[in-house]
Every structure is written in C-alpha cells, then in structure tokens.
PDB file of N, CA and C in Angstrom:
ATOM      1  N   MET A   1      51.634   7.860 -40.017  1.00  0.00           N
ATOM      2  CA  MET A   1      50.741   6.594 -40.398  1.00  0.00           C
ATOM      3  C   MET A   1      49.985   6.593 -38.938  1.00  0.00           C
ATOM      4  N   ASP A   2      48.404   6.467 -39.172  1.00  0.00           N
ATOM      5  CA  ASP A   2      47.397   6.618 -38.266  1.00  0.00           C
ATOM      6  C   ASP A   2      47.035   5.343 -37.763  1.00  0.00           C
ATOM      7  N   ASN A   3      47.312   4.485 -36.636  1.00  0.00           N
ATOM      8  CA  ASN A   3      47.027   3.308 -36.004  1.00  0.00           C
ATOM      9  C   ASN A   3      45.654   3.234 -35.411  1.00  0.00           C
ATOM     10  N   THR A   4      44.997   4.107 -35.102  1.00  0.00           N
ATOM     11  CA  THR A   4      44.080   4.110 -34.408  1.00  0.00           C
ATOM     12  C   THR A   4      42.904   3.869 -35.171  1.00  0.00           C
ATOM     13  N   SER A   5      42.433   3.514 -36.385  1.00  0.00           N
ATOM     14  CA  SER A   5      41.563   3.155 -37.386  1.00  0.00           C
ATOM     15  C   SER A   5      41.623   1.613 -36.882  1.00  0.00           C
ATOM     16  N   ASN A   6      42.856   0.824 -36.453  1.00  0.00           N
ATOM     17  CA  ASN A   6      42.606  -0.388 -36.072  1.00  0.00           C
ATOM     18  C   ASN A   6      42.351  -0.452 -34.652  1.00  0.00           C
ATOM     19  N   VAL A   7      42.134   0.197 -34.363  1.00  0.00           N
ATOM     20  CA  VAL A   7      41.637   0.281 -32.318  1.00  0.00           C
ATOM     21  C   VAL A   7      40.274   0.281 -32.364  1.00  0.00           C
ATOM     22  N   THR A   8      39.436  -0.921 -31.975  1.00  0.00           N
ATOM     23  CA  THR A   8      37.732  -0.578 -31.569  1.00  0.00           C
ATOM     24  C   THR A   8      38.076  -0.083 -30.053  1.00  0.00           C
ATOM     25  N   GLU A   9      37.088   0.767 -30.027  1.00  0.00           N
ATOM     26  CA  GLU A   9      36.900   1.901 -28.716  1.00  0.00           C
ATOM     27  C   GLU A   9      36.448   0.718 -28.000  1.00  0.00           C
ATOM     28  N   PHE A  10      36.584   1.224 -26.802  1.00  0.00           N
ATOM     29  CA  PHE A  10      36.020   0.002 -25.512  1.00  0.00           C
ATOM     30  C   PHE A  10      34.290   0.468 -25.011  1.00  0.00           C
ATOM     31  N   GLN A  11      33.772  -0.418 -24.936  1.00  0.00           N
ATOM     32  CA  GLN A  11      32.614   0.202 -25.054  1.00  0.00           C
ATOM     33  C   GLN A  11      31.854  -1.011 -23.485  1.00  0.00           C
ATOM     34  N   PRO A  12      31.716  -0.425 -22.161  1.00  0.00           N
ATOM     35  CA  PRO A  12      31.335  -0.944 -21.163  1.00  0.00           C
ATOM     36  C   PRO A  12      30.100  -1.695 -21.497  1.00  0.00           C
ATOM     37  N   ASN A  13      30.311  -3.140 -20.702  1.00  0.00           N
ATOM     38  CA  ASN A  13      28.500  -3.792 -21.051  1.00  0.00           C
ATOM     39  C   ASN A  13      27.995  -3.367 -20.178  1.00  0.00           C
ATOM     40  N   THR A  14      26.752  -2.784 -20.788  1.00  0.00           N
ATOM     41  CA  THR A  14      25.965  -2.124 -19.430  1.00  0.00           C
ATOM     42  C   THR A  14      24.606  -2.973 -19.326  1.00  0.00           C
ATOM     43  N   SER A  15      24.570  -4.038 -19.752  1.00  0.00           N
ATOM     44  CA  SER A  15      23.467  -4.768 -19.472  1.00  0.00           C
ATOM     45  C   SER A  15      23.721  -5.777 -18.439  1.00  0.00           C
ATOM     46  N   ASN A  16      22.665  -6.169 -17.647  1.00  0.00           N
ATOM     47  CA  ASN A  16      22.478  -7.179 -16.487  1.00  0.00           C
ATOM     48  C   ASN A  16      23.168  -8.253 -17.001  1.00  0.00           C
ATOM     49  N   ALA A  17      24.247  -9.333 -16.140  1.00  0.00           N
ATOM     50  CA  ALA A  17      24.125 -10.523 -16.886  1.00  0.00           C
ATOM     51  C   ALA A  17      23.099 -11.828 -16.676  1.00  0.00           C
ATOM     52  N   SER A  18      21.761 -11.281 -16.135  1.00  0.00           N
ATOM     53  CA  SER A  18      20.952 -12.078 -16.162  1.00  0.00           C
ATOM     54  C   SER A  18      20.036 -11.390 -17.302  1.00  0.00           C
ATOM     55  N   ASP A  19      20.242 -10.722 -17.704  1.00  0.00           N
ATOM     56  CA  ASP A  19      19.611 -10.008 -19.056  1.00  0.00           C
ATOM     57  C   ASP A  19      19.290 -11.046 -20.350  1.00  0.00           C
ATOM     58  N   PRO A  20      18.282 -11.625 -20.858  1.00  0.00           N
ATOM     59  CA  PRO A  20      18.538 -12.437 -21.975  1.00  0.00           C
ATOM     60  C   PRO A  20      19.184 -11.761 -23.220  1.00  0.00           C
ATOM     61  N   GLN A  21      20.087 -12.279 -23.866  1.00  0.00           N
ATOM     62  CA  GLN A  21      20.791 -11.780 -24.900  1.00  0.00           C
ATOM     63  C   GLN A  21      20.506 -12.683 -26.138  1.00  0.00           C
ATOM     64  N   ASP A  22      20.960 -12.109 -26.915  1.00  0.00           N
ATOM     65  CA  ASP A  22      21.034 -12.490 -28.333  1.00  0.00           C
ATOM     66  C   ASP A  22      22.231 -13.095 -28.577  1.00  0.00           C
ATOM     67  N   VAL A  23      22.657 -14.302 -28.762  1.00  0.00           N
ATOM     68  CA  VAL A  23      23.961 -15.013 -28.952  1.00  0.00           C
ATOM     69  C   VAL A  23      23.541 -16.194 -29.723  1.00  0.00           C
ATOM     70  N   GLY A  24      24.599 -15.789 -30.937  1.00  0.00           N
ATOM     71  CA  GLY A  24      25.074 -16.966 -32.166  1.00  0.00           C
ATOM     72  C   GLY A  24      23.704 -17.500 -32.466  1.00  0.00           C
ATOM     73  N   GLY A  25      23.294 -16.480 -32.724  1.00  0.00           N
ATOM     74  CA  GLY A  25      21.892 -16.426 -33.796  1.00  0.00           C
ATOM     75  C   GLY A  25      20.557 -17.111 -32.989  1.00  0.00           C
ATOM     76  N   VAL A  26      20.463 -16.930 -31.477  1.00  0.00           N
ATOM     77  CA  VAL A  26      20.054 -17.438 -30.345  1.00  0.00           C
ATOM     78  C   VAL A  26      19.031 -16.170 -29.807  1.00  0.00           C
ATOM     79  N   ALA A  27      17.474 -15.611 -29.937  1.00  0.00           N
ATOM     80  CA  ALA A  27      17.063 -14.852 -29.196  1.00  0.00           C
ATOM     81  C   ALA A  27      16.789 -15.271 -27.697  1.00  0.00           C
ATOM     82  N   GLY A  28      17.858 -14.401 -27.095  1.00  0.00           N
ATOM     83  CA  GLY A  28      17.974 -15.052 -25.769  1.00  0.00           C
ATOM     84  C   GLY A  28      16.153 -14.506 -25.276  1.00  0.00           C
ATOM     85  N   ALA A  29      15.574 -13.408 -25.640  1.00  0.00           N
ATOM     86  CA  ALA A  29      14.199 -12.886 -25.158  1.00  0.00           C
ATOM     87  C   ALA A  29      13.204 -14.173 -25.229  1.00  0.00           C
ATOM     88  N   ARG A  30      12.914 -14.232 -26.362  1.00  0.00           N
ATOM     89  CA  ARG A  30      12.194 -15.342 -26.811  1.00  0.00           C
ATOM     90  C   ARG A  30      12.454 -16.608 -26.036  1.00  0.00           C
ATOM     91  N   LEU A  31      13.782 -17.103 -25.956  1.00  0.00           N
ATOM     92  CA  LEU A  31      14.043 -18.601 -25.300  1.00  0.00           C
ATOM     93  C   LEU A  31      13.679 -18.493 -24.159  1.00  0.00           C
ATOM     94  N   LYS A  32      13.749 -16.840 -23.279  1.00  0.00           N
ATOM     95  CA  LYS A  32      13.330 -17.174 -21.923  1.00  0.00           C
ATOM     96  C   LYS A  32      12.059 -17.303 -21.750  1.00  0.00           C
ATOM     97  N   SER A  33      11.386 -16.346 -22.608  1.00  0.00           N
ATOM     98  CA  SER A  33      10.084 -16.537 -22.491  1.00  0.00           C
ATOM     99  C   SER A  33       9.804 -18.009 -22.469  1.00  0.00           C
ATOM    100  N   PHE A  34      10.019 -18.933 -23.593  1.00  0.00           N
ATOM    101  CA  PHE A  34       9.361 -20.197 -23.855  1.00  0.00           C
ATOM    102  C   PHE A  34       9.858 -21.079 -22.340  1.00  0.00           C
ATOM    103  N   ILE A  35      11.347 -20.901 -21.848  1.00  0.00           N
ATOM    104  CA  ILE A  35      11.151 -21.318 -20.841  1.00  0.00           C
ATOM    105  C   ILE A  35      10.360 -21.202 -19.616  1.00  0.00           C
ATOM    106  N   ASP A  36      10.606 -19.654 -19.424  1.00  0.00           N
ATOM    107  CA  ASP A  36       9.286 -19.151 -18.314  1.00  0.00           C
ATOM    108  C   ASP A  36       8.092 -19.938 -18.106  1.00  0.00           C
ATOM    109  N   ARG A  37       7.260 -19.958 -19.294  1.00  0.00           N
ATOM    110  CA  ARG A  37       5.847 -20.589 -19.690  1.00  0.00           C
ATOM    111  C   ARG A  37       5.839 -21.762 -19.428  1.00  0.00           C
ATOM    112  N   ILE A  38       7.265 -22.980 -19.485  1.00  0.00           N
ATOM    113  CA  ILE A  38       7.525 -24.404 -19.360  1.00  0.00           C
ATOM    114  C   ILE A  38       7.608 -24.576 -17.910  1.00  0.00           C
ATOM    115  N   GLU A  39       8.045 -23.561 -17.264  1.00  0.00           N
ATOM    116  CA  GLU A  39       8.462 -23.464 -15.859  1.00  0.00           C
ATOM    117  C   GLU A  39       7.077 -23.561 -14.970  1.00  0.00           C
ATOM    118  N   ARG A  40       6.237 -22.808 -15.548  1.00  0.00           N
ATOM    119  CA  ARG A  40       5.111 -22.325 -15.109  1.00  0.00           C
ATOM    120  C   ARG A  40       3.909 -23.504 -15.199  1.00  0.00           C
ATOM    121  N   LEU A  41       3.778 -24.060 -16.303  1.00  0.00           N
ATOM    122  CA  LEU A  41       3.265 -25.229 -16.858  1.00  0.00           C
ATOM    123  C   LEU A  41       3.252 -26.452 -16.339  1.00  0.00           C
ATOM    124  N   GLU A  42       5.134 -26.751 -15.744  1.00  0.00           N
ATOM    125  CA  GLU A  42       4.932 -27.445 -14.823  1.00  0.00           C
ATOM    126  C   GLU A  42       4.819 -27.853 -13.236  1.00  0.00           C
ATOM    127  N   GLU A  43       4.638 -26.281 -12.826  1.00  0.00           N
ATOM    128  CA  GLU A  43       4.254 -26.172 -11.676  1.00  0.00           C
ATOM    129  C   GLU A  43       2.825 -26.535 -11.689  1.00  0.00           C
ATOM    130  N   GLU A  44       1.758 -25.725 -12.485  1.00  0.00           N
ATOM    131  CA  GLU A  44       0.427 -26.514 -12.466  1.00  0.00           C
ATOM    132  C   GLU A  44       0.243 -27.489 -12.931  1.00  0.00           C
ATOM    133  N   LYS A  45       0.931 -28.798 -13.670  1.00  0.00           N
ATOM    134  CA  LYS A  45       0.924 -30.083 -13.823  1.00  0.00           C
ATOM    135  C   LYS A  45       0.961 -30.650 -12.455  1.00  0.00           C
ATOM    136  N   SER A  46       1.762 -29.998 -11.602  1.00  0.00           N
ATOM    137  CA  SER A  46       2.232 -30.663 -10.557  1.00  0.00           C
ATOM    138  C   SER A  46       1.060 -30.726  -9.692  1.00  0.00           C
ATOM    139  N   ALA A  47       0.668 -29.322  -9.648  1.00  0.00           N
ATOM    140  CA  ALA A  47      -0.773 -29.359  -8.672  1.00  0.00           C
ATOM    141  C   ALA A  47      -1.514 -30.247  -9.188  1.00  0.00           C
ATOM    142  N   ILE A  48      -2.011 -30.153 -10.420  1.00  0.00           N
ATOM    143  CA  ILE A  48      -3.036 -31.027 -10.970  1.00  0.00           C
ATOM    144  C   ILE A  48      -2.844 -32.771 -10.659  1.00  0.00           C
ATOM    145  N   ALA A  49      -1.939 -33.052 -10.622  1.00  0.00           N
ATOM    146  CA  ALA A  49      -1.314 -34.516 -10.338  1.00  0.00           C
ATOM    147  C   ALA A  49      -1.820 -34.624  -9.142  1.00  0.00           C
ATOM    148  N   SER A  50      -1.300 -33.892  -8.001  1.00  0.00           N
ATOM    149  CA  SER A  50      -1.592 -33.707  -6.604  1.00  0.00           C
ATOM    150  C   SER A  50      -3.237 -33.932  -6.382  1.00  0.00           C
ATOM    151  N   ASP A  51      -4.041 -33.004  -7.198  1.00  0.00           N
ATOM    152  CA  ASP A  51      -5.243 -32.981  -7.369  1.00  0.00           C
ATOM    153  C   ASP A  51      -5.821 -34.216  -7.907  1.00  0.00           C
ATOM    154  N   ILE A  52      -5.227 -34.883  -8.446  1.00  0.00           N
ATOM    155  CA  ILE A  52      -5.917 -36.450  -9.258  1.00  0.00           C
ATOM    156  C   ILE A  52      -5.637 -36.981  -8.114  1.00  0.00           C
ATOM    157  N   LYS A  53      -4.328 -37.617  -7.367  1.00  0.00           N
ATOM    158  CA  LYS A  53      -4.057 -38.314  -6.509  1.00  0.00           C
ATOM    159  C   LYS A  53      -5.149 -38.192  -5.762  1.00  0.00           C
ATOM    160  N   ASP A  54      -5.545 -37.449  -5.287  1.00  0.00           N
ATOM    161  CA  ASP A  54      -6.579 -37.086  -4.132  1.00  0.00           C
ATOM    162  C   ASP A  54      -7.838 -37.525  -4.387  1.00  0.00           C
ATOM    163  N   VAL A  55      -8.071 -37.351  -5.506  1.00  0.00           N
ATOM    164  CA  VAL A  55      -9.582 -37.774  -6.200  1.00  0.00           C
ATOM    165  C   VAL A  55      -9.231 -39.325  -6.189  1.00  0.00           C
ATOM    166  N   TYR A  56      -8.416 -39.865  -6.233  1.00  0.00           N
ATOM    167  CA  TYR A  56      -8.497 -41.062  -6.326  1.00  0.00           C
ATOM    168  C   TYR A  56      -8.487 -41.942  -4.844  1.00  0.00           C
ATOM    169  N   ALA A  57      -7.688 -41.343  -4.219  1.00  0.00           N
ATOM    170  CA  ALA A  57      -7.581 -41.667  -2.556  1.00  0.00           C
ATOM    171  C   ALA A  57      -8.820 -41.509  -1.945  1.00  0.00           C
ATOM    172  N   GLU A  58      -9.972 -40.304  -2.574  1.00  0.00           N
ATOM    173  CA  GLU A  58     -11.048 -40.095  -1.962  1.00  0.00           C
ATOM    174  C   GLU A  58     -12.072 -41.343  -2.578  1.00  0.00           C
ATOM    175  N   ALA A  59     -11.550 -41.793  -4.318  1.00  0.00           N
ATOM    176  CA  ALA A  59     -12.294 -42.762  -4.082  1.00  0.00           C
ATOM    177  C   ALA A  59     -11.877 -44.041  -3.909  1.00  0.00           C
ATOM    178  N   LYS A  60     -10.979 -44.444  -3.433  1.00  0.00           N
ATOM    179  CA  LYS A  60     -10.333 -45.700  -2.899  1.00  0.00           C
ATOM    180  C   LYS A  60     -10.763 -45.594  -1.511  1.00  0.00           C
ATOM    181  N   GLY A  61     -11.312 -44.476  -0.414  1.00  0.00           N
ATOM    182  CA  GLY A  61     -11.813 -44.165   0.789  1.00  0.00           C
ATOM    183  C   GLY A  61     -12.904 -44.654   0.600  1.00  0.00           C
ATOM    184  N   THR A  62     -14.116 -44.143  -0.648  1.00  0.00           N
ATOM    185  CA  THR A  62     -15.268 -44.739  -0.721  1.00  0.00           C
ATOM    186  C   THR A  62     -15.636 -46.274  -0.703  1.00  0.00           C
ATOM    187  N   GLY A  63     -14.544 -46.937  -1.293  1.00  0.00           N
ATOM    188  CA  GLY A  63     -14.611 -48.740  -1.517  1.00  0.00           C
ATOM    189  C   GLY A  63     -14.668 -48.930  -3.327  1.00  0.00           C
ATOM    190  N   PHE A  64     -14.154 -47.947  -4.076  1.00  0.00           N
ATOM    191  CA  PHE A  64     -14.178 -47.799  -5.208  1.00  0.00           C
ATOM    192  C   PHE A  64     -12.751 -48.603  -5.341  1.00  0.00           C
ATOM    193  N   ASP A  65     -12.328 -49.363  -6.535  1.00  0.00           N
ATOM    194  CA  ASP A  65     -10.967 -50.097  -6.971  1.00  0.00           C
ATOM    195  C   ASP A  65     -10.291 -49.165  -7.859  1.00  0.00           C
ATOM    196  N   THR A  66      -9.262 -48.622  -7.623  1.00  0.00           N
ATOM    197  CA  THR A  66      -8.839 -47.444  -8.177  1.00  0.00           C
ATOM    198  C   THR A  66      -8.094 -47.685  -9.354  1.00  0.00           C
ATOM    199  N   LYS A  67      -7.556 -49.065  -9.573  1.00  0.00           N
ATOM    200  CA  LYS A  67      -6.762 -50.079 -10.647  1.00  0.00           C
ATOM    201  C   LYS A  67      -7.586 -50.012 -11.736  1.00  0.00           C
ATOM    202  N   THR A  68      -9.382 -50.014 -11.484  1.00  0.00           N
ATOM    203  CA  THR A  68     -10.417 -50.221 -12.369  1.00  0.00           C
ATOM    204  C   THR A  68     -10.726 -48.894 -12.878  1.00  0.00           C
ATOM    205  N   ILE A  69     -10.931 -47.693 -12.036  1.00  0.00           N
ATOM    206  CA  ILE A  69     -11.035 -46.630 -11.835  1.00  0.00           C
ATOM    207  C   ILE A  69     -10.012 -46.620 -13.228  1.00  0.00           C
ATOM    208  N   ARG A  70      -8.864 -46.556 -13.257  1.00  0.00           N
ATOM    209  CA  ARG A  70      -7.580 -45.826 -14.106  1.00  0.00           C
ATOM    210  C   ARG A  70      -7.568 -46.720 -15.339  1.00  0.00           C
ATOM    211  N   LYS A  71      -8.217 -47.665 -15.371  1.00  0.00           N
ATOM    212  CA  LYS A  71      -8.423 -48.679 -16.535  1.00  0.00           C
ATOM    213  C   LYS A  71      -9.380 -48.352 -17.099  1.00  0.00           C
ATOM    214  N   ILE A  72     -10.827 -47.734 -16.865  1.00  0.00           N
ATOM    215  CA  ILE A  72     -11.981 -47.439 -17.327  1.00  0.00           C
ATOM    216  C   ILE A  72     -11.131 -45.814 -17.853  1.00  0.00           C
ATOM    217  N   ILE A  73     -10.664 -44.884 -17.318  1.00  0.00           N
ATOM    218  CA  ILE A  73      -9.983 -43.622 -17.408  1.00  0.00           C
ATOM    219  C   ILE A  73      -9.413 -44.068 -19.147  1.00  0.00           C
ATOM    220  N   SER A  74      -8.333 -44.861 -18.788  1.00  0.00           N
ATOM    221  CA  SER A  74      -7.373 -45.406 -20.074  1.00  0.00           C
ATOM    222  C   SER A  74      -8.515 -45.522 -21.453  1.00  0.00           C
ATOM    223  N   LEU A  75      -9.322 -46.823 -21.288  1.00  0.00           N
ATOM    224  CA  LEU A  75     -10.454 -47.092 -22.123  1.00  0.00           C
ATOM    225  C   LEU A  75     -11.126 -46.152 -22.836  1.00  0.00           C
ATOM    226  N   ARG A  76     -11.406 -44.851 -22.068  1.00  0.00           N
ATOM    227  CA  ARG A  76     -12.343 -44.146 -22.666  1.00  0.00           C
ATOM    228  C   ARG A  76     -11.252 -42.994 -23.338  1.00  0.00           C
ATOM    229  N   LYS A  77     -10.476 -43.093 -23.595  1.00  0.00           N
ATOM    230  CA  LYS A  77      -9.836 -42.384 -23.995  1.00  0.00           C
ATOM    231  C   LYS A  77      -9.087 -42.828 -25.590  1.00  0.00           C
ATOM    232  N   VAL A  78      -9.506 -44.089 -25.812  1.00  0.00           N
ATOM    233  CA  VAL A  78      -9.513 -44.850 -27.289  1.00  0.00           C
ATOM    234  C   VAL A  78     -10.809 -44.363 -27.660  1.00  0.00           C
ATOM    235  N   ASP A  79     -10.674 -44.658 -29.130  1.00  0.00           N
ATOM    236  CA  ASP A  79     -11.721 -44.575 -30.102  1.00  0.00           C
ATOM    237  C   ASP A  79     -12.429 -45.994 -29.800  1.00  0.00           C
ATOM    238  N   THR A  80     -14.000 -45.757 -29.971  1.00  0.00           N
ATOM    239  CA  THR A  80     -14.655 -46.948 -29.653  1.00  0.00           C
ATOM    240  C   THR A  80     -14.546 -48.063 -30.570  1.00  0.00           C
ATOM    241  N   GLU A  81     -14.053 -48.033 -31.735  1.00  0.00           N
ATOM    242  CA  GLU A  81     -13.763 -48.826 -32.825  1.00  0.00           C
ATOM    243  C   GLU A  81     -12.536 -49.838 -32.461  1.00  0.00           C
ATOM    244  N   LYS A  82     -11.689 -48.687 -32.264  1.00  0.00           N
ATOM    245  CA  LYS A  82     -10.437 -49.228 -32.119  1.00  0.00           C
ATOM    246  C   LYS A  82     -10.131 -50.198 -30.607  1.00  0.00           C
ATOM    247  N   ARG A  83     -11.110 -49.532 -29.432  1.00  0.00           N
ATOM    248  CA  ARG A  83     -11.252 -50.231 -28.196  1.00  0.00           C
ATOM    249  C   ARG A  83     -11.835 -51.600 -28.564  1.00  0.00           C
ATOM    250  N   ARG A  84     -12.859 -51.692 -29.161  1.00  0.00           N
ATOM    251  CA  ARG A  84     -13.547 -52.505 -29.902  1.00  0.00           C
ATOM    252  C   ARG A  84     -12.530 -54.138 -30.486  1.00  0.00           C
ATOM    253  N   GLU A  85     -11.620 -53.307 -30.936  1.00  0.00           N
ATOM    254  CA  GLU A  85     -10.747 -54.385 -32.176  1.00  0.00           C
ATOM    255  C   GLU A  85      -9.752 -54.776 -31.243  1.00  0.00           C
ATOM    256  N   ALA A  86      -9.408 -54.312 -30.328  1.00  0.00           N
ATOM    257  CA  ALA A  86      -8.594 -54.382 -29.273  1.00  0.00           C
ATOM    258  C   ALA A  86      -8.795 -55.605 -28.249  1.00  0.00           C
ATOM    259  N   ASP A  87      -9.957 -55.405 -27.939  1.00  0.00           N
ATOM    260  CA  ASP A  87     -10.843 -56.301 -27.296  1.00  0.00           C
ATOM    261  C   ASP A  87     -11.159 -57.972 -27.789  1.00  0.00           C
ATOM    262  N   GLU A  88     -11.571 -57.672 -29.124  1.00  0.00           N
ATOM    263  CA  GLU A  88     -11.668 -58.726 -29.814  1.00  0.00           C
ATOM    264  C   GLU A  88      -9.990 -59.845 -29.954  1.00  0.00           C
ATOM    265  N   MET A  89      -9.369 -58.690 -30.021  1.00  0.00           N
ATOM    266  CA  MET A  89      -7.728 -59.298 -30.163  1.00  0.00           C
ATOM    267  C   MET A  89      -7.599 -60.079 -28.985  1.00  0.00           C
ATOM    268  N   LEU A  90      -7.769 -59.619 -28.202  1.00  0.00           N
ATOM    269  CA  LEU A  90      -7.435 -59.879 -26.454  1.00  0.00           C
ATOM    270  C   LEU A  90      -8.070 -61.386 -26.520  1.00  0.00           C
ATOM    271  N   GLU A  91      -9.561 -61.492 -26.481  1.00  0.00           N
ATOM    272  CA  GLU A  91     -10.134 -62.816 -26.574  1.00  0.00           C
ATOM    273  C   GLU A  91      -9.706 -63.814 -27.483  1.00  0.00           C
ATOM    274  N   LEU A  92      -9.474 -63.159 -28.649  1.00  0.00           N
ATOM    275  CA  LEU A  92      -9.249 -64.714 -29.376  1.00  0.00           C
ATOM    276  C   LEU A  92      -7.508 -64.866 -28.884  1.00  0.00           C
ATOM    277  N   TYR A  93      -6.931 -64.134 -28.476  1.00  0.00           N
ATOM    278  CA  TYR A  93      -5.218 -64.666 -27.915  1.00  0.00           C
ATOM    279  C   TYR A  93      -5.513 -65.074 -26.615  1.00  0.00           C
ATOM    280  N   LYS A  94      -6.743 -64.747 -25.802  1.00  0.00           N
ATOM    281  CA  LYS A  94      -6.927 -65.836 -24.533  1.00  0.00           C
ATOM    282  C   LYS A  94      -7.484 -67.157 -25.073  1.00  0.00           C
ATOM    283  N   SER A  95      -8.323 -67.055 -25.956  1.00  0.00           N
ATOM    284  CA  SER A  95      -8.732 -68.181 -26.539  1.00  0.00           C
ATOM    285  C   SER A  95      -7.970 -69.162 -26.959  1.00  0.00           C
ATOM    286  N   ALA A  96      -6.900 -68.588 -28.099  1.00  0.00           N
ATOM    287  CA  ALA A  96      -5.772 -69.172 -28.499  1.00  0.00           C
ATOM    288  C   ALA A  96      -4.944 -69.979 -27.435  1.00  0.00           C
ATOM    289  N   ILE A  97      -4.936 -69.518 -26.071  1.00  0.00           N
ATOM    290  CA  ILE A  97      -3.996 -70.293 -25.288  1.00  0.00           C
ATOM    291  C   ILE A  97      -4.677 -70.802 -23.902  1.00  0.00           C
ATOM    292  N   GLY A  98      -5.718 -71.247 -24.371  1.00  0.00           N
ATOM    293  CA  GLY A  98      -6.937 -71.868 -23.360  1.00  0.00           C
ATOM    294  C   GLY A  98      -7.394 -70.959 -22.112  1.00  0.00           C
ATOM    295  N   MET A  99      -7.010 -69.806 -21.972  1.00  0.00           N
ATOM    296  CA  MET A  99      -7.915 -69.285 -20.903  1.00  0.00           C
ATOM    297  C   MET A  99      -9.390 -69.326 -20.950  1.00  0.00           C
ATOM    298  N   GLU A 100      -9.855 -69.031 -21.859  1.00  0.00           N
ATOM    299  CA  GLU A 100     -11.168 -69.273 -21.615  1.00  0.00           C
ATOM    300  C   GLU A 100     -12.163 -70.100 -22.902  1.00  0.00           C
TER     301      GLU A 100
END
C-alpha cells in the first residue's frame, strides 16, 4: 500500500510577508491599491484643509468676519430655490416667536 498519495509535498512560501495576497476571496493587491489611494487622498485633504485655514486667517487679518464668510460659503452650496424656502421658513418661525 502506497501512503505517498495522501501526503502533500512541502512547498516553501517564497512570497514576502508584506506582499498583498488573495485571502478568503479578498483580492489583496486590489485592496492594497484602494488603501494606498485613500491614504494619499487623506494626505492631500489635510494639506488642502491647512491651506483653507490659512486663507481664513488671511481674511480675518484683513478685517473680514470669518463666521460670516463660512456662512456665505455654506449658503452658496445650497440650491437657490431651497435656500429661499429655508429663509422664508426661518422668517416665519422668527415671527411666530416674536423675534421680529
């Protein structure tokens, strides 16, 4: 009786431990690519946030109110019609509680 058919041949792992591998249906190289891209974008986002902070500081140094600038930027992101509806609702509510 030949027992060698049940024995698997030893094959040393020649891959580097840091190389991405496919494990449990997860494509390691593809996953690593996504992670690398996200990390790079996070670094860019951090740099842009720092630049925006510098611009606000510059505006403040020139005498502008940065809270108002932030509010204007926020308002400009909203559709004109939706902004008008929100303004009307705000005025209605303020009137209802006697603010104006």
